[in-house]
Amino acid sequence: MDEIRNPFAPGAGSQPPELAGRDKILEDARIALQRALRGKPTQSQILLGLRGVGKTVLLNQIEQIAEEHGHLTSMVEAPEGVPLPTLLYPRIHQIIRKLSVIEQAKATAFSAMRALRSFASIFKVETGDFALSVDPETGTADSGDIEYDLAELFVRVGVAAKAAERGWTLLIDEIQYLGEKDYAALIVAIHRMNQKGLPVLFFGAGLPQVAALSGNAKSYAERLFTYPSVGALDQKSAELAIRNPIEEEGEQIEVDALHAIVEKTRGYPYFLQEWGYQAWNTADHSPIDAADVDQSSHKALRRLDDGFFRVRFDRLTPREREYVCAMAKLGSGPYKSGEVAEMMKEPPNKLGPMRASIIKKGMIYSPSYGDIDFTVPLFGDYLMRNWIEANVQ
């Protein structure tokens, strides 16, 4: 079939042709965004899920919805080791500049810009090739306590947004990489927005351990945010994600082929895109049948092994690779830390630092006390296929 017309888009954060099974999350976001503009109390959202389930895609959709409803937006991806002030400074500067051209918000935007100058100075933010052409406001957002200063800065931005009859939506992807103090400060700032009824909302996305990190940072975080779980699609939604894009191109897929794709991918969105992409390219003509899916599966697995899985595996040290392989040998997760230690013939306390390092790299997480699991769907299968069974042979 014509590869140019292939509707599927396997890629990091790529918008799929059919965003199936996520209606409730998007509708809740739409309601929250409109309530915020009216000054009504509302909860921000933090999307939780494994790699490849479509969290970034949802953040992009929420950003679009926010803009449609009168919000200015700031999208940020949190890399490891970058302080929150450095991440937020250029985004907040951009928001304030946009607010400053709105007549009724000029005075409050100027106040917000002075607060931003104070904030940047106290936290030694590198401003690059430009500097703010305003004087800092002494005593505002310059205490050196990021919890206090970030909240004060957010208040100034929120007041300016309210004066402009606009909202500000901050979206941060990969929030598990924020430092503990930075994350606590962000929570405090959003809490302050709620208390003052200012039109500022936060939407985050991260790995499943973020819910626990939120509670550890601030006990009230469980009431401040909702934590929608973004996981594998149910059977109906997974079928729609494959069938609808094919039919919109005027082609067909047989029921057996459709069921085979859902079964092989277990409904995970990234894998659905990969199998759909390969099945389309493999088929000589419409309809795509089960034989096409079977043949394309080898190509899909090879691409996943060489890319999606391999780049993550390569981040691990040799000993860390032994650890995750020991997990895979135990079958399906979650896994008991003690069982992994027993498989490696090591005392559990000796493996603690290694386990913490793998968690920090985002490869595994702890769904409950004493348990661990992979953050990447089907990663255990990859290890069995490429490292464990290959070495046995």
Protein backbone atom coordinates (compact mmCIF):
# COMPACT_ATOMS: atom_id res chain seq x y z
CA MET A 1 0.00 0.00 0.00
CA ASP A 2 1.06 3.59 -0.60
CA GLU A 3 3.57 4.46 2.15
CA ILE A 4 3.06 8.18 1.57
CA ARG A 5 -0.55 7.84 2.73
CA ASN A 6 0.36 5.77 5.79
CA PRO A 7 -1.64 7.45 8.58
CA PHE A 8 0.30 6.11 11.55
CA ALA A 9 2.92 8.12 13.40
CA PRO A 10 5.24 6.14 15.69
CA GLY A 11 7.44 8.71 17.41
CA ALA A 12 8.12 10.43 20.72
CA GLY A 13 5.16 12.70 21.41
CA SER A 14 3.89 12.45 17.82
CA GLN A 15 0.18 13.17 17.47
CA PRO A 16 -1.58 9.92 16.54
CA PRO A 17 -4.22 10.09 13.81
CA GLU A 18 -6.87 8.85 16.27
CA LEU A 19 -6.66 9.93 19.92
CA ALA A 20 -8.86 7.17 21.29
CA GLY A 21 -9.78 6.39 24.88
CA ARG A 22 -8.70 9.69 26.45
CA ASP A 23 -11.96 11.66 26.30
CA LYS A 24 -12.46 11.85 30.08
CA ILE A 25 -8.99 13.30 30.71
CA LEU A 26 -9.42 15.95 28.02
CA GLU A 27 -12.96 16.86 29.13
CA ASP A 28 -11.83 17.28 32.74
CA ALA A 29 -9.03 19.54 31.53
CA ARG A 30 -11.45 21.58 29.45
CA ILE A 31 -13.74 22.12 32.44
CA ALA A 32 -10.83 23.04 34.73
CA LEU A 33 -9.49 25.59 32.26
CA GLN A 34 -12.85 27.34 31.97
CA ARG A 35 -13.44 27.31 35.73
CA ALA A 36 -10.04 28.90 36.29
CA LEU A 37 -10.94 31.82 34.00
CA ARG A 38 -14.04 32.41 36.12
CA GLY A 39 -12.03 32.43 39.32
CA LYS A 40 -13.61 29.22 40.58
CA PRO A 41 -11.57 26.70 42.59
CA THR A 42 -10.31 23.87 40.44
CA GLN A 43 -7.70 21.15 40.56
CA SER A 44 -4.69 20.99 38.30
CA GLN A 45 -3.79 17.64 36.74
CA ILE A 46 -0.73 15.42 36.77
CA LEU A 47 -0.86 12.62 34.19
CA LEU A 48 0.79 9.42 35.36
CA GLY A 49 1.89 6.52 33.17
CA LEU A 50 4.66 4.39 31.74
CA ARG A 51 6.76 5.34 28.74
CA GLY A 52 4.98 5.35 25.41
CA VAL A 53 1.40 5.62 26.68
CA GLY A 54 0.78 9.08 25.21
CA LYS A 55 1.28 11.47 28.14
CA THR A 56 3.13 14.02 26.01
CA VAL A 57 0.47 13.80 23.31
CA LEU A 58 -2.18 14.58 25.93
CA LEU A 59 -0.19 17.54 27.25
CA ASN A 60 -0.03 18.92 23.71
CA GLN A 61 -3.79 18.48 23.35
CA ILE A 62 -4.42 20.21 26.67
CA GLU A 63 -2.16 23.06 25.59
CA GLN A 64 -4.28 23.48 22.46
CA ILE A 65 -7.51 23.39 24.47
CA ALA A 66 -6.10 25.98 26.88
CA GLU A 67 -5.26 28.36 24.03
CA GLU A 68 -8.74 27.90 22.57
CA HIS A 69 -10.21 28.98 25.91
CA GLY A 70 -8.20 32.16 26.40
CA HIS A 71 -5.14 30.89 28.24
CA LEU A 72 -1.56 31.80 27.46
CA THR A 73 0.50 28.63 27.67
CA SER A 74 4.02 27.59 28.60
CA MET A 75 5.18 24.07 27.70
CA VAL A 76 8.34 22.80 29.41
CA GLU A 77 10.16 19.47 29.36
CA ALA A 78 12.15 18.96 32.54
CA PRO A 79 15.60 17.51 31.82
CA GLU A 80 17.66 15.93 34.58
CA GLY A 81 19.65 18.31 36.75
CA VAL A 82 18.29 21.65 35.47
CA PRO A 83 16.98 23.94 38.26
CA LEU A 84 13.36 25.00 38.05
CA PRO A 85 14.16 28.76 37.98
CA THR A 86 16.29 28.20 34.87
CA LEU A 87 13.48 26.24 33.21
CA LEU A 88 10.73 28.71 34.02
CA TYR A 89 12.46 32.05 33.55
CA PRO A 90 12.23 32.34 29.72
CA ARG A 91 8.66 31.02 29.71
CA ILE A 92 7.44 33.45 32.36
CA HIS A 93 9.25 36.29 30.63
CA GLN A 94 7.42 35.44 27.41
CA ILE A 95 4.05 35.32 29.18
CA ILE A 96 4.59 38.69 30.86
CA ARG A 97 5.58 40.29 27.55
CA LYS A 98 2.36 39.04 25.97
CA LEU A 99 0.32 40.40 28.86
CA SER A 100 2.12 43.75 28.77
CA VAL A 101 0.62 44.69 25.39
CA ILE A 102 -2.93 44.35 26.73
CA GLU A 103 -4.01 47.81 27.86
CA GLN A 104 -5.78 46.88 31.09
CA ALA A 105 -2.89 44.68 32.18
CA LYS A 106 0.08 46.96 31.48
CA ALA A 107 0.59 48.11 35.08
CA THR A 108 0.29 44.64 36.60
CA ALA A 109 2.48 43.13 33.88
CA PHE A 110 5.16 45.73 34.66
CA SER A 111 4.96 44.74 38.33
CA ALA A 112 5.29 41.08 37.34
CA MET A 113 8.34 41.88 35.20
CA ARG A 114 10.04 43.59 38.14
CA ALA A 115 9.29 40.55 40.30
CA LEU A 116 10.78 38.31 37.62
CA ARG A 117 13.93 40.46 37.57
CA SER A 118 14.24 40.04 41.36
CA PHE A 119 13.65 36.29 41.06
CA ALA A 120 16.25 35.88 38.30
CA SER A 121 18.83 37.84 40.28
CA ILE A 122 18.45 35.96 43.56
CA PHE A 123 18.56 32.53 41.87
CA LYS A 124 21.36 33.57 39.50
CA VAL A 125 19.43 32.64 36.36
CA GLU A 126 21.49 33.02 33.20
CA THR A 127 19.52 35.36 30.93
CA GLY A 128 21.50 34.65 27.78
CA ASP A 129 21.86 37.47 25.25
CA PHE A 130 19.13 39.64 26.75
CA ALA A 131 18.51 41.32 30.09
CA LEU A 132 15.30 42.67 31.56
CA SER A 133 15.09 46.42 31.06
CA VAL A 134 13.40 46.98 34.40
CA ASP A 135 14.69 47.43 37.93
CA PRO A 136 14.11 44.62 40.42
CA GLU A 137 11.48 45.23 43.08
CA THR A 138 13.32 44.99 46.35
CA GLY A 139 11.58 42.68 48.82
CA THR A 140 9.61 40.81 46.16
CA ALA A 141 10.49 37.24 45.13
CA ASP A 142 14.06 37.77 46.32
CA SER A 143 14.29 36.07 49.72
CA GLY A 144 16.30 33.15 48.38
CA ASP A 145 13.66 30.70 49.61
CA ILE A 146 12.33 29.19 46.40
CA GLU A 147 9.02 28.10 47.97
CA TYR A 148 8.24 31.65 49.01
CA ASP A 149 9.71 33.43 46.00
CA LEU A 150 8.17 31.25 43.28
CA ALA A 151 4.73 31.59 44.87
CA GLU A 152 5.14 35.37 45.00
CA LEU A 153 6.22 35.48 41.37
CA PHE A 154 3.27 33.32 40.31
CA VAL A 155 0.92 35.66 42.16
CA ARG A 156 2.23 38.64 40.20
CA VAL A 157 1.80 36.78 36.90
CA GLY A 158 -1.66 35.56 37.93
CA VAL A 159 -2.78 39.08 38.84
CA ALA A 160 -1.61 40.36 35.46
CA ALA A 161 -3.40 37.52 33.67
CA LYS A 162 -6.60 38.26 35.58
CA ALA A 163 -6.38 41.96 34.71
CA ALA A 164 -6.03 40.97 31.05
CA GLU A 165 -9.00 38.59 31.37
CA ARG A 166 -6.73 35.76 30.31
CA GLY A 167 -5.40 32.65 31.99
CA TRP A 168 -1.94 31.15 32.22
CA THR A 169 -1.46 27.40 31.84
CA LEU A 170 1.92 25.91 32.71
CA LEU A 171 2.61 22.42 31.35
CA ILE A 172 5.66 20.41 32.44
CA ASP A 173 6.57 17.03 30.98
CA GLU A 174 8.88 14.53 32.73
CA ILE A 175 8.28 16.13 36.13
CA GLN A 176 9.94 13.24 37.93
CA TYR A 177 13.23 14.91 36.98
CA LEU A 178 12.51 18.04 39.04
CA GLY A 179 14.54 18.35 42.21
CA GLU A 180 12.69 17.75 45.47
CA LYS A 181 12.88 21.39 46.62
CA ASP A 182 11.90 22.68 43.18
CA TYR A 183 8.91 20.35 43.01
CA ALA A 184 7.78 21.37 46.49
CA ALA A 185 8.04 25.04 45.47
CA LEU A 186 5.93 24.42 42.37
CA ILE A 187 3.26 22.75 44.48
CA VAL A 188 3.24 25.67 46.92
CA ALA A 189 2.92 28.16 44.04
CA ILE A 190 -0.06 26.33 42.50
CA HIS A 191 -1.65 26.06 45.94
CA ARG A 192 -1.30 29.84 46.29
CA MET A 193 -3.03 30.35 42.94
CA ASN A 194 -5.99 28.32 44.18
CA GLN A 195 -6.18 30.25 47.42
CA LYS A 196 -6.27 33.58 45.59
CA GLY A 197 -8.59 32.43 42.82
CA LEU A 198 -6.13 33.46 40.11
CA PRO A 199 -6.47 32.03 36.58
CA VAL A 200 -3.31 29.90 36.67
CA LEU A 201 -3.35 26.14 36.13
CA PHE A 202 -0.68 23.47 36.03
CA PHE A 203 -0.71 20.27 33.98
CA GLY A 204 2.15 17.86 34.46
CA ALA A 205 3.09 14.44 33.15
CA GLY A 206 5.45 11.91 34.60
CA LEU A 207 6.17 8.34 35.58
CA PRO A 208 3.94 6.57 38.10
CA GLN A 209 6.17 7.39 41.09
CA VAL A 210 5.28 11.09 40.77
CA ALA A 211 2.15 10.67 42.90
CA ALA A 212 4.26 9.51 45.84
CA LEU A 213 6.81 12.26 45.19
CA SER A 214 3.99 14.82 45.33
CA GLY A 215 2.76 13.56 48.68
CA ASN A 216 6.28 13.50 50.06
CA ALA A 217 6.90 17.06 48.92
CA LYS A 218 3.67 18.49 50.36
CA SER A 219 0.98 16.51 52.14
CA TYR A 220 -1.85 18.57 50.64
CA ALA A 221 -0.73 17.77 47.07
CA GLU A 222 -3.17 14.85 46.96
CA ARG A 223 -6.03 17.38 47.25
CA LEU A 224 -4.45 20.03 45.04
CA PHE A 225 -4.09 17.79 41.96
CA THR A 226 -5.94 15.01 40.26
CA TYR A 227 -3.77 12.16 39.01
CA PRO A 228 -5.32 10.62 35.88
CA SER A 229 -3.76 7.29 35.02
CA VAL A 230 -2.67 7.05 31.39
CA GLY A 231 -2.20 3.40 30.51
CA ALA A 232 -2.92 0.82 27.84
CA LEU A 233 -6.14 1.34 25.88
CA ASP A 234 -9.08 -0.97 26.37
CA GLN A 235 -10.00 -3.34 23.53
CA LYS A 236 -12.55 -1.02 21.91
CA SER A 237 -10.35 2.10 22.07
CA ALA A 238 -7.31 0.21 20.79
CA GLU A 239 -9.30 -1.08 17.82
CA LEU A 240 -10.54 2.44 17.05
CA ALA A 241 -6.96 3.74 17.16
CA ILE A 242 -6.08 1.32 14.34
CA ARG A 243 -9.27 0.98 12.31
CA ASN A 244 -10.38 4.63 12.06
CA PRO A 245 -7.14 6.01 10.53
CA ILE A 246 -7.11 3.20 7.97
CA GLU A 247 -10.74 3.76 6.99
CA GLU A 248 -10.23 7.53 6.80
CA GLU A 249 -7.68 6.80 4.07
CA GLY A 250 -10.33 4.78 2.21
CA GLU A 251 -8.78 1.40 3.06
CA GLN A 252 -9.84 -1.55 5.24
CA ILE A 253 -8.43 -3.96 7.81
CA GLU A 254 -9.87 -7.41 8.52
CA VAL A 255 -11.20 -8.18 11.99
CA ASP A 256 -8.65 -10.94 12.62
CA ALA A 257 -5.82 -8.57 11.72
CA LEU A 258 -7.21 -5.89 13.99
CA HIS A 259 -7.45 -8.31 16.91
CA ALA A 260 -3.92 -9.54 16.24
CA ILE A 261 -2.49 -6.02 16.47
CA VAL A 262 -4.30 -5.29 19.73
CA GLU A 263 -3.10 -8.59 21.20
CA LYS A 264 0.52 -8.11 20.16
CA THR A 265 0.68 -4.52 21.42
CA ARG A 266 -1.45 -5.15 24.54
CA GLY A 267 -3.15 -1.87 23.76
CA TYR A 268 -0.15 0.38 24.44
CA PRO A 269 -0.48 3.50 22.24
CA TYR A 270 3.11 3.75 21.02
CA PHE A 271 3.15 0.10 20.03
CA LEU A 272 -0.23 0.43 18.30
CA GLN A 273 1.26 3.17 16.13
CA GLU A 274 4.32 1.06 15.33
CA TRP A 275 2.31 -2.05 14.41
CA GLY A 276 -0.21 -0.02 12.42
CA TYR A 277 2.60 1.68 10.55
CA GLN A 278 4.37 -1.56 9.71
CA ALA A 279 1.18 -3.46 8.81
CA TRP A 280 0.17 -0.72 6.37
CA ASN A 281 3.58 -0.73 4.68
CA THR A 282 3.70 -4.55 4.54
CA ALA A 283 0.26 -5.04 2.95
CA ASP A 284 0.25 -5.16 -0.85
CA HIS A 285 -3.39 -4.09 -1.01
CA SER A 286 -6.49 -3.46 1.09
CA PRO A 287 -7.79 -4.99 3.27
CA ILE A 288 -4.87 -5.56 5.63
CA ASP A 289 -5.10 -9.17 6.78
CA ALA A 290 -3.68 -11.33 9.59
CA ALA A 291 -0.81 -12.52 7.40
CA ASP A 292 0.24 -8.90 6.83
CA VAL A 293 0.22 -8.30 10.60
CA ASP A 294 2.21 -11.45 11.27
CA GLN A 295 4.83 -10.49 8.69
CA SER A 296 5.00 -6.89 9.87
CA SER A 297 5.47 -7.91 13.51
CA HIS A 298 9.09 -8.86 12.86
CA LYS A 299 9.77 -5.39 11.46
CA ALA A 300 7.94 -3.70 14.34
CA LEU A 301 9.88 -5.63 16.98
CA ARG A 302 13.19 -4.95 15.25
CA ARG A 303 12.49 -1.20 15.16
CA LEU A 304 11.44 -1.20 18.81
CA ASP A 305 14.46 -3.25 19.85
CA ASP A 306 16.88 -1.01 17.96
CA GLY A 307 15.27 2.24 19.13
CA PHE A 308 12.59 2.48 21.80
CA PHE A 309 14.07 -0.24 24.02
CA ARG A 310 17.77 -0.09 23.18
CA VAL A 311 18.31 3.61 23.92
CA ARG A 312 16.99 3.03 27.43
CA PHE A 313 18.99 -0.13 28.02
CA ASP A 314 22.17 1.62 26.89
CA ARG A 315 21.87 4.12 29.77
CA LEU A 316 22.47 1.36 32.31
CA THR A 317 25.81 0.23 33.68
CA PRO A 318 26.78 -3.46 33.30
CA ARG A 319 25.70 -4.21 36.88
CA GLU A 320 22.42 -2.34 36.41
CA ARG A 321 21.81 -4.43 33.31
CA GLU A 322 22.26 -7.55 35.42
CA TYR A 323 19.65 -6.20 37.82
CA VAL A 324 16.97 -5.55 35.19
CA CYS A 325 17.69 -8.89 33.52
CA ALA A 326 17.17 -10.57 36.88
CA MET A 327 13.79 -8.82 37.07
CA ALA A 328 12.85 -10.09 33.60
CA LYS A 329 13.78 -13.67 34.50
CA LEU A 330 11.14 -13.58 37.25
CA GLY A 331 8.35 -13.21 34.66
CA SER A 332 5.73 -10.47 34.74
CA GLY A 333 5.95 -7.68 37.33
CA PRO A 334 5.65 -6.13 39.79
CA TYR A 335 8.66 -7.78 41.38
CA LYS A 336 9.72 -8.08 45.01
CA SER A 337 13.09 -6.46 45.66
CA GLY A 338 14.04 -9.46 47.76
CA GLU A 339 13.28 -11.87 44.93
CA VAL A 340 15.49 -9.90 42.55
CA ALA A 341 18.29 -9.99 45.13
CA GLU A 342 17.84 -13.73 45.51
CA MET A 343 17.99 -14.17 41.73
CA MET A 344 21.28 -12.23 41.72
CA LYS A 345 22.55 -14.13 44.79
CA GLU A 346 23.17 -10.84 46.60
CA PRO A 347 21.93 -9.48 49.97
CA PRO A 348 19.03 -7.02 49.41
CA ASN A 349 20.69 -4.17 51.31
CA LYS A 350 23.75 -4.35 49.05
CA LEU A 351 21.56 -3.79 45.96
CA GLY A 352 19.71 -0.79 47.41
CA PRO A 353 21.98 1.91 45.92
CA MET A 354 21.91 0.19 42.52
CA ARG A 355 18.12 -0.01 42.59
CA ALA A 356 17.94 3.69 43.52
CA SER A 357 20.22 4.55 40.60
CA ILE A 358 18.03 2.64 38.11
CA ILE A 359 14.94 4.37 39.52
CA LYS A 360 16.63 7.76 39.13
CA LYS A 361 17.35 6.93 35.48
CA GLY A 362 13.62 6.35 34.98
CA MET A 363 13.94 2.67 34.07
CA ILE A 364 12.07 1.19 37.04
CA TYR A 365 9.74 2.51 39.73
CA SER A 366 8.20 1.34 42.97
CA PRO A 367 4.40 0.90 42.65
CA SER A 368 4.21 0.00 46.35
CA TYR A 369 6.57 -0.57 49.26
CA GLY A 370 9.00 -3.38 48.53
CA ASP A 371 7.85 -3.75 44.91
CA ILE A 372 9.50 -2.62 41.68
CA ASP A 373 8.48 -2.72 38.04
CA PHE A 374 9.61 -1.45 34.65
CA THR A 375 8.57 2.02 33.49
CA VAL A 376 8.71 0.81 29.88
CA PRO A 377 5.90 -1.51 28.74
CA LEU A 378 7.07 -4.94 27.51
CA PHE A 379 10.66 -4.15 28.52
CA GLY A 380 10.98 -7.52 30.20
CA ASP A 381 10.06 -9.19 26.90
CA TYR A 382 12.78 -7.17 25.17
CA LEU A 383 15.37 -8.32 27.70
CA MET A 384 14.32 -11.97 27.34
CA ARG A 385 14.39 -11.73 23.55
CA ASN A 386 17.71 -9.93 23.13
CA TRP A 387 19.85 -10.51 26.19
CA ILE A 388 18.74 -13.44 28.28
CA GLU A 389 17.68 -16.05 25.74
CA ALA A 390 20.48 -14.98 23.39
CA ASN A 391 23.09 -15.56 26.11
CA VAL A 392 21.56 -18.94 27.02
CA GLN A 393 21.93 -20.02 23.42
